[in-house]
Protein backbone atom coordinates (compact mmCIF):
# COMPACT_ATOMS: atom_id res chain seq x y z
CA MET A 1 105.80 75.68 92.84
CA ILE A 2 102.64 77.43 93.73
CA GLU A 3 99.41 75.07 93.37
CA ILE A 4 97.16 77.85 92.16
CA GLU A 5 94.17 75.50 92.77
CA GLY A 6 94.75 75.01 96.40
CA LEU A 7 95.99 78.67 96.97
CA SER A 8 92.95 80.03 98.56
CA HIS A 9 92.46 77.00 100.96
CA ARG A 10 95.89 77.50 102.24
CA ILE A 11 95.43 81.26 102.74
CA TYR A 12 92.41 80.51 104.55
CA GLU A 13 94.09 77.80 106.95
CA LEU A 14 96.54 80.75 107.69
CA TYR A 15 93.70 83.01 108.48
CA CYS A 16 92.22 80.49 110.78
CA LYS A 17 95.62 79.83 112.42
CA ILE A 18 95.78 83.75 113.32
CA ARG A 19 92.40 83.42 114.87
CA GLU A 20 93.24 80.30 116.86
CA LEU A 21 96.73 81.37 118.22
CA ARG A 22 96.00 85.26 118.19
CA PRO A 23 99.68 86.25 117.67
CA LEU A 24 100.99 89.44 119.43
CA VAL A 25 102.03 91.81 116.63
CA HIS A 26 104.36 94.50 117.90
CA VAL A 27 103.79 97.62 115.41
CA VAL A 28 105.95 100.72 115.36
CA THR A 29 104.02 102.78 112.69
CA ASN A 30 103.35 106.21 111.76
CA PHE A 31 100.99 108.44 113.96
CA VAL A 32 98.33 108.63 111.33
CA VAL A 33 97.38 105.32 111.00
CA MET A 34 97.90 103.50 114.54
CA ASN A 35 94.30 103.35 115.59
CA GLU A 36 93.31 101.85 112.02
CA THR A 37 96.14 99.36 112.03
CA ALA A 38 95.42 98.11 115.49
CA ASN A 39 91.69 97.64 114.52
CA ALA A 40 92.71 95.99 111.33
CA LEU A 41 94.78 93.40 113.20
CA LEU A 42 92.01 92.68 115.68
CA ALA A 43 89.61 92.08 112.92
CA ILE A 44 91.71 89.27 111.49
CA GLY A 45 92.15 87.81 114.99
CA ALA A 46 95.72 88.95 115.89
CA SER A 47 96.52 90.99 119.04
CA PRO A 48 98.25 94.41 118.40
CA THR A 49 100.76 96.19 120.52
CA MET A 50 101.93 99.58 119.44
CA SER A 51 104.43 100.76 122.00
CA TRP A 52 107.33 102.80 120.77
CA ALA A 53 109.10 103.45 124.04
CA GLN A 54 112.63 102.47 124.19
CA GLU A 55 112.46 101.39 127.60
CA ASP A 56 109.94 98.91 126.56
CA ALA A 57 111.57 97.46 123.47
CA ALA A 58 113.73 94.81 125.18
CA TYR A 59 110.61 93.38 127.22
CA LEU A 60 108.05 93.52 124.25
CA SER A 61 110.58 91.90 121.97
CA LYS A 62 110.68 89.13 124.16
CA LEU A 63 106.76 88.68 124.37
CA SER A 64 105.80 89.61 120.70
CA ASP A 65 105.37 86.95 117.95
CA SER A 66 106.32 89.30 115.09
CA LEU A 67 107.29 92.84 114.35
CA CYS A 68 106.15 95.50 111.90
CA ILE A 69 108.29 98.50 111.44
CA ASN A 70 106.93 101.57 109.34
CA ILE A 71 109.03 104.78 109.03
CA GLY A 72 106.24 107.22 108.10
CA THR A 73 106.76 109.71 110.72
CA PRO A 74 110.57 109.52 111.23
CA VAL A 75 110.98 111.08 114.54
CA LYS A 76 114.53 110.27 115.83
CA ASP A 77 113.46 108.87 119.04
CA ARG A 78 111.11 106.50 117.11
CA ILE A 79 113.75 105.51 114.66
CA ASP A 80 116.07 104.60 117.38
CA VAL A 81 113.39 102.36 118.91
CA MET A 82 112.81 100.73 115.45
CA GLU A 83 116.69 99.92 115.15
CA SER A 84 116.68 98.45 118.67
CA LEU A 85 113.44 96.24 117.99
CA MET A 86 114.90 94.89 114.67
CA LEU A 87 118.29 94.06 116.16
CA PHE A 88 116.16 92.08 119.06
CA ALA A 89 114.35 90.50 116.41
CA GLN A 90 117.46 89.43 114.52
CA GLU A 91 119.03 88.05 117.46
CA THR A 92 115.91 85.73 118.40
CA GLY A 93 114.90 85.05 114.83
CA LYS A 94 111.59 86.89 115.21
CA PRO A 95 109.46 87.61 111.88
CA VAL A 96 109.74 91.03 110.78
CA VAL A 97 108.12 93.24 108.22
CA LEU A 98 109.76 96.47 107.06
CA ASP A 99 107.73 99.23 105.38
CA PRO A 100 110.13 101.91 104.06
CA VAL A 101 107.76 104.67 103.66
CA GLY A 102 108.94 107.46 101.55
CA ALA A 103 112.42 105.92 100.75
CA GLY A 104 113.86 107.79 97.95
CA ALA A 105 112.08 111.20 99.05
CA GLY A 106 115.29 112.90 100.40
CA ALA A 107 118.38 111.84 102.13
CA TYR A 108 117.07 111.53 105.56
CA ARG A 109 114.17 109.17 104.80
CA THR A 110 116.39 107.19 102.35
CA GLY A 111 119.32 106.87 104.94
CA ILE A 112 116.76 105.59 107.73
CA ALA A 113 115.35 102.87 105.28
CA LYS A 114 118.55 101.88 104.20
CA LYS A 115 120.02 101.35 107.82
CA LEU A 116 116.95 99.34 108.85
CA PHE A 117 116.99 97.56 105.41
CA SER A 118 120.52 96.10 106.49
CA ILE A 119 119.05 94.57 109.69
CA ALA A 120 117.20 91.21 110.25
CA PRO A 121 117.99 89.41 106.91
CA ASP A 122 114.62 87.41 107.02
CA LYS A 123 112.48 90.20 107.02
CA ILE A 124 109.46 90.84 104.39
CA ILE A 125 109.81 94.20 102.77
CA ARG A 126 106.69 95.89 101.53
CA GLY A 127 106.66 99.22 99.65
CA ASN A 128 105.86 100.72 96.17
CA ALA A 129 108.29 100.49 93.42
CA SER A 130 110.06 103.80 94.02
CA GLU A 131 110.56 102.90 97.69
CA VAL A 132 111.90 99.38 97.16
CA CYS A 133 114.39 100.47 94.23
CA ALA A 134 115.85 103.20 96.66
CA LEU A 135 116.90 100.54 98.88
CA VAL A 136 119.64 99.58 96.57
CA ASP A 137 120.14 102.93 94.70
CA LYS A 138 118.17 101.60 91.54
CA ASN A 139 115.15 104.21 92.08
CA HIS A 140 114.38 105.48 88.55
CA THR A 141 113.75 108.95 90.32
CA THR A 142 117.06 108.94 92.15
CA ARG A 143 120.15 111.06 90.76
CA GLY A 144 123.47 110.07 91.92
CA ILE A 145 124.69 108.58 95.26
CA GLU A 146 123.53 111.34 97.27
CA ASN A 147 119.86 110.47 96.43
CA ASN A 148 119.17 114.09 95.17
CA VAL A 149 115.40 113.60 93.97
CA ALA A 150 113.77 116.52 92.44
CA GLN A 151 111.07 117.83 94.70
CA LYS A 152 108.50 116.80 91.88
CA GLU A 153 109.58 113.35 92.14
CA ALA A 154 109.89 113.12 95.79
CA LYS A 155 106.45 114.43 95.78
CA LYS A 156 105.36 111.54 93.69
CA ILE A 157 106.95 109.09 95.93
CA LEU A 158 105.45 110.19 99.04
CA MET A 159 101.86 110.60 97.41
CA GLY A 160 102.15 107.21 95.89
CA HIS A 161 102.73 105.08 98.84
CA GLY A 162 99.24 103.74 99.57
CA ARG A 163 98.56 100.19 98.59
CA ALA A 164 96.27 100.78 95.51
CA ASN A 165 97.87 104.08 94.23
CA GLY A 166 101.47 103.05 93.90
CA GLU A 167 103.50 102.36 90.88
CA THR A 168 103.49 98.98 89.27
CA ASN A 169 106.26 99.26 86.55
CA PHE A 170 108.85 97.21 88.53
CA THR A 171 110.71 95.04 86.07
CA VAL A 172 112.17 91.89 87.33
CA ASP A 173 115.74 92.04 86.06
CA LYS A 174 119.24 92.91 87.20
CA GLN A 175 118.60 96.54 86.85
CA SER A 176 115.60 96.21 89.22
CA GLY A 177 117.99 95.17 92.34
CA LEU A 178 115.92 92.44 93.17
CA ASP A 179 118.73 90.21 93.91
CA SER A 180 120.35 92.52 96.07
CA ILE A 181 117.13 93.20 97.99
CA LEU A 182 116.45 89.53 98.50
CA GLU A 183 119.95 89.15 99.99
CA PHE A 184 118.59 91.23 102.92
CA ALA A 185 114.95 89.58 102.90
CA SER A 186 113.00 86.59 102.55
CA CYS A 187 110.36 88.04 100.57
CA LEU A 188 109.42 91.22 98.70
CA ILE A 189 105.99 92.98 98.25
CA VAL A 190 105.92 95.66 95.55
CA SER A 191 102.45 97.26 96.10
CA GLY A 192 100.35 99.13 93.61
CA ALA A 193 97.10 98.47 91.69
CA LYS A 194 98.61 95.08 91.54
CA ASP A 195 100.59 93.27 94.13
CA MET A 196 103.95 91.77 93.01
CA ILE A 197 105.54 89.39 95.64
CA PHE A 198 108.87 87.99 95.05
CA ASP A 199 111.10 85.55 96.93
CA LYS A 200 114.40 83.89 95.99
CA ASN A 201 112.72 81.43 93.93
CA GLY A 202 110.36 83.27 91.97
CA GLY A 203 107.06 85.54 92.11
CA ILE A 204 103.48 86.08 92.00
CA THR A 205 101.14 88.95 90.86
CA LEU A 206 97.72 89.44 92.41
CA GLU A 207 95.20 91.73 91.03
CA ASN A 208 92.60 92.00 93.80
CA GLY A 209 91.91 95.42 95.54
CA SER A 210 89.67 98.71 94.66
CA SER A 211 90.54 102.24 93.82
CA LEU A 212 88.87 103.40 97.14
CA MET A 213 91.99 101.83 99.10
CA SER A 214 93.83 104.79 97.89
CA ALA A 215 91.25 107.33 98.94
CA VAL A 216 91.68 106.63 102.48
CA THR A 217 94.90 106.82 104.72
CA GLY A 218 96.55 103.78 106.07
CA THR A 219 95.45 100.78 103.74
CA GLY A 220 99.48 100.30 102.74
CA CYS A 221 100.58 100.58 106.40
CA ILE A 222 97.76 97.95 107.37
CA LEU A 223 98.79 95.68 104.68
CA SER A 224 102.36 95.46 106.22
CA ALA A 225 100.90 95.00 109.77
CA ILE A 226 98.55 92.13 108.48
CA THR A 227 101.65 90.50 106.69
CA ALA A 228 103.38 90.70 110.09
CA ALA A 229 100.56 88.78 111.53
CA PHE A 230 100.60 86.19 109.00
CA TYR A 231 104.58 85.89 109.16
CA ALA A 232 103.82 85.13 112.80
CA VAL A 233 101.88 81.75 112.00
CA SER A 234 104.03 80.71 109.12
CA ASP A 235 107.72 80.33 108.61
CA ASN A 236 107.42 80.91 104.94
CA GLY A 237 107.61 84.76 104.02
CA GLY A 238 106.38 84.08 100.44
CA GLU A 239 103.19 82.49 101.69
CA ALA A 240 102.60 84.99 104.59
CA ALA A 241 103.04 87.80 101.94
CA ILE A 242 100.45 86.08 99.43
CA ALA A 243 97.94 85.63 102.23
CA ALA A 244 98.13 89.21 103.58
CA CYS A 245 97.97 90.76 100.06
CA SER A 246 95.16 88.49 99.03
CA ILE A 247 93.02 89.00 102.31
CA ALA A 248 93.54 92.80 102.29
CA GLY A 249 92.97 92.94 98.62
CA ILE A 250 89.59 91.01 98.55
CA ALA A 251 88.37 92.93 101.73
CA GLY A 252 89.05 96.08 99.80
CA GLU A 253 86.76 94.88 96.96
CA LEU A 254 84.07 93.83 99.16
CA ALA A 255 84.16 97.00 101.27
CA ALA A 256 84.01 99.25 98.08
CA GLN A 257 80.85 97.20 96.92
CA LYS A 258 79.07 98.27 100.24
CA ALA A 259 80.53 101.91 100.66
CA SER A 260 79.04 105.22 99.55
CA GLY A 261 82.60 106.71 99.65
CA PRO A 262 85.81 106.92 101.59
CA GLY A 263 84.01 107.75 104.91
CA THR A 264 81.94 104.32 105.05
CA PHE A 265 84.80 102.45 103.32
CA MET A 266 87.16 101.85 106.19
CA ALA A 267 84.14 100.53 108.42
CA HIS A 268 83.17 98.03 105.59
CA PHE A 269 86.88 97.05 105.29
CA LEU A 270 87.32 96.10 108.85
CA ASP A 271 84.10 94.17 108.71
CA SER A 272 85.43 92.12 105.52
CA LEU A 273 88.72 91.50 107.22
CA TYR A 274 86.47 90.12 109.91
CA ASN A 275 84.11 88.06 108.21
CA MET A 276 86.47 86.63 105.42
CA ASP A 277 85.51 82.84 104.62
CA GLU A 278 87.04 80.30 102.35
CA LYS A 279 84.35 80.52 99.61
CA THR A 280 84.80 84.39 99.23
CA LEU A 281 88.71 83.63 98.86
CA GLU A 282 88.23 80.97 96.44
CA THR A 283 85.84 82.89 94.18
CA ARG A 284 87.57 86.29 94.23
CA LEU A 285 91.25 85.58 94.25
CA LYS A 286 92.73 87.05 91.21
CA VAL A 287 96.31 85.58 90.31
CA ALA A 288 97.61 87.37 87.17
CA SER A 289 100.79 85.73 86.90
CA ASN A 290 102.92 83.16 88.59
CA ARG A 291 106.44 83.10 88.20
CA PRO A 292 107.65 79.38 89.23
CA GLY A 293 109.35 79.27 92.38
CA ILE A 294 107.54 80.54 95.57
CA ILE A 295 106.83 77.47 97.68
CA ILE A 296 103.55 77.57 99.68
């Protein structure tokens, strides 16, 4: 059971642990957000490496403390490296976060997402409702086994990937495919205006964040990388996910208060990640609901 009263303290302990240990987080992400993602990891105290060379994969896999895979720009060579890295991680038990960007929007992306979904069964998966459901053919926009999504719905999936702009109508029942997803993951983050986090024991919903997080590119991808950093210092996928979503969401709120618009938001977001403290976590953390079970 989550002890809500001590939750902010535990999150801050993990945040401090990242700063102490400076875990090396290997991130293979889309071209658009590489710089922002690396800076966000540095801001919380982690050490990023962004290499996607196949020749580098085996060596970096031995060195890194966790792995974040984001399929946002699915060039074939990059996908091959992603698969290799996830297989290396599976062999060594390395923490993995998978971000299935755009899963459900066409057979190509969905096929890639499903292939990677089948590797490294202790990974954390982060996506919006449509992307997550597409992994187990439960996407409400998907028509048939060929994943033939109408162009309008495919566009909606791609536009809704961002952390604060995604769907939140993810119902926890057999129709959602949650049990099937958690056969291949230690934890699931369904991002949107709220962050819903599930493991095999239960779930929790967090309501931190700002609408400005969907006015800039990369906040969802950054959340996945931050989750990988927390997973590097915790062997509990559920608590790593809760900590990452809490830190990112609260940092987004703080940044929005200081920013005059999207142009200044990202700078303030990085500053807020860097300057996070326990009192801020305690006063701002918004736990909307707690489904008994996640152990932290």
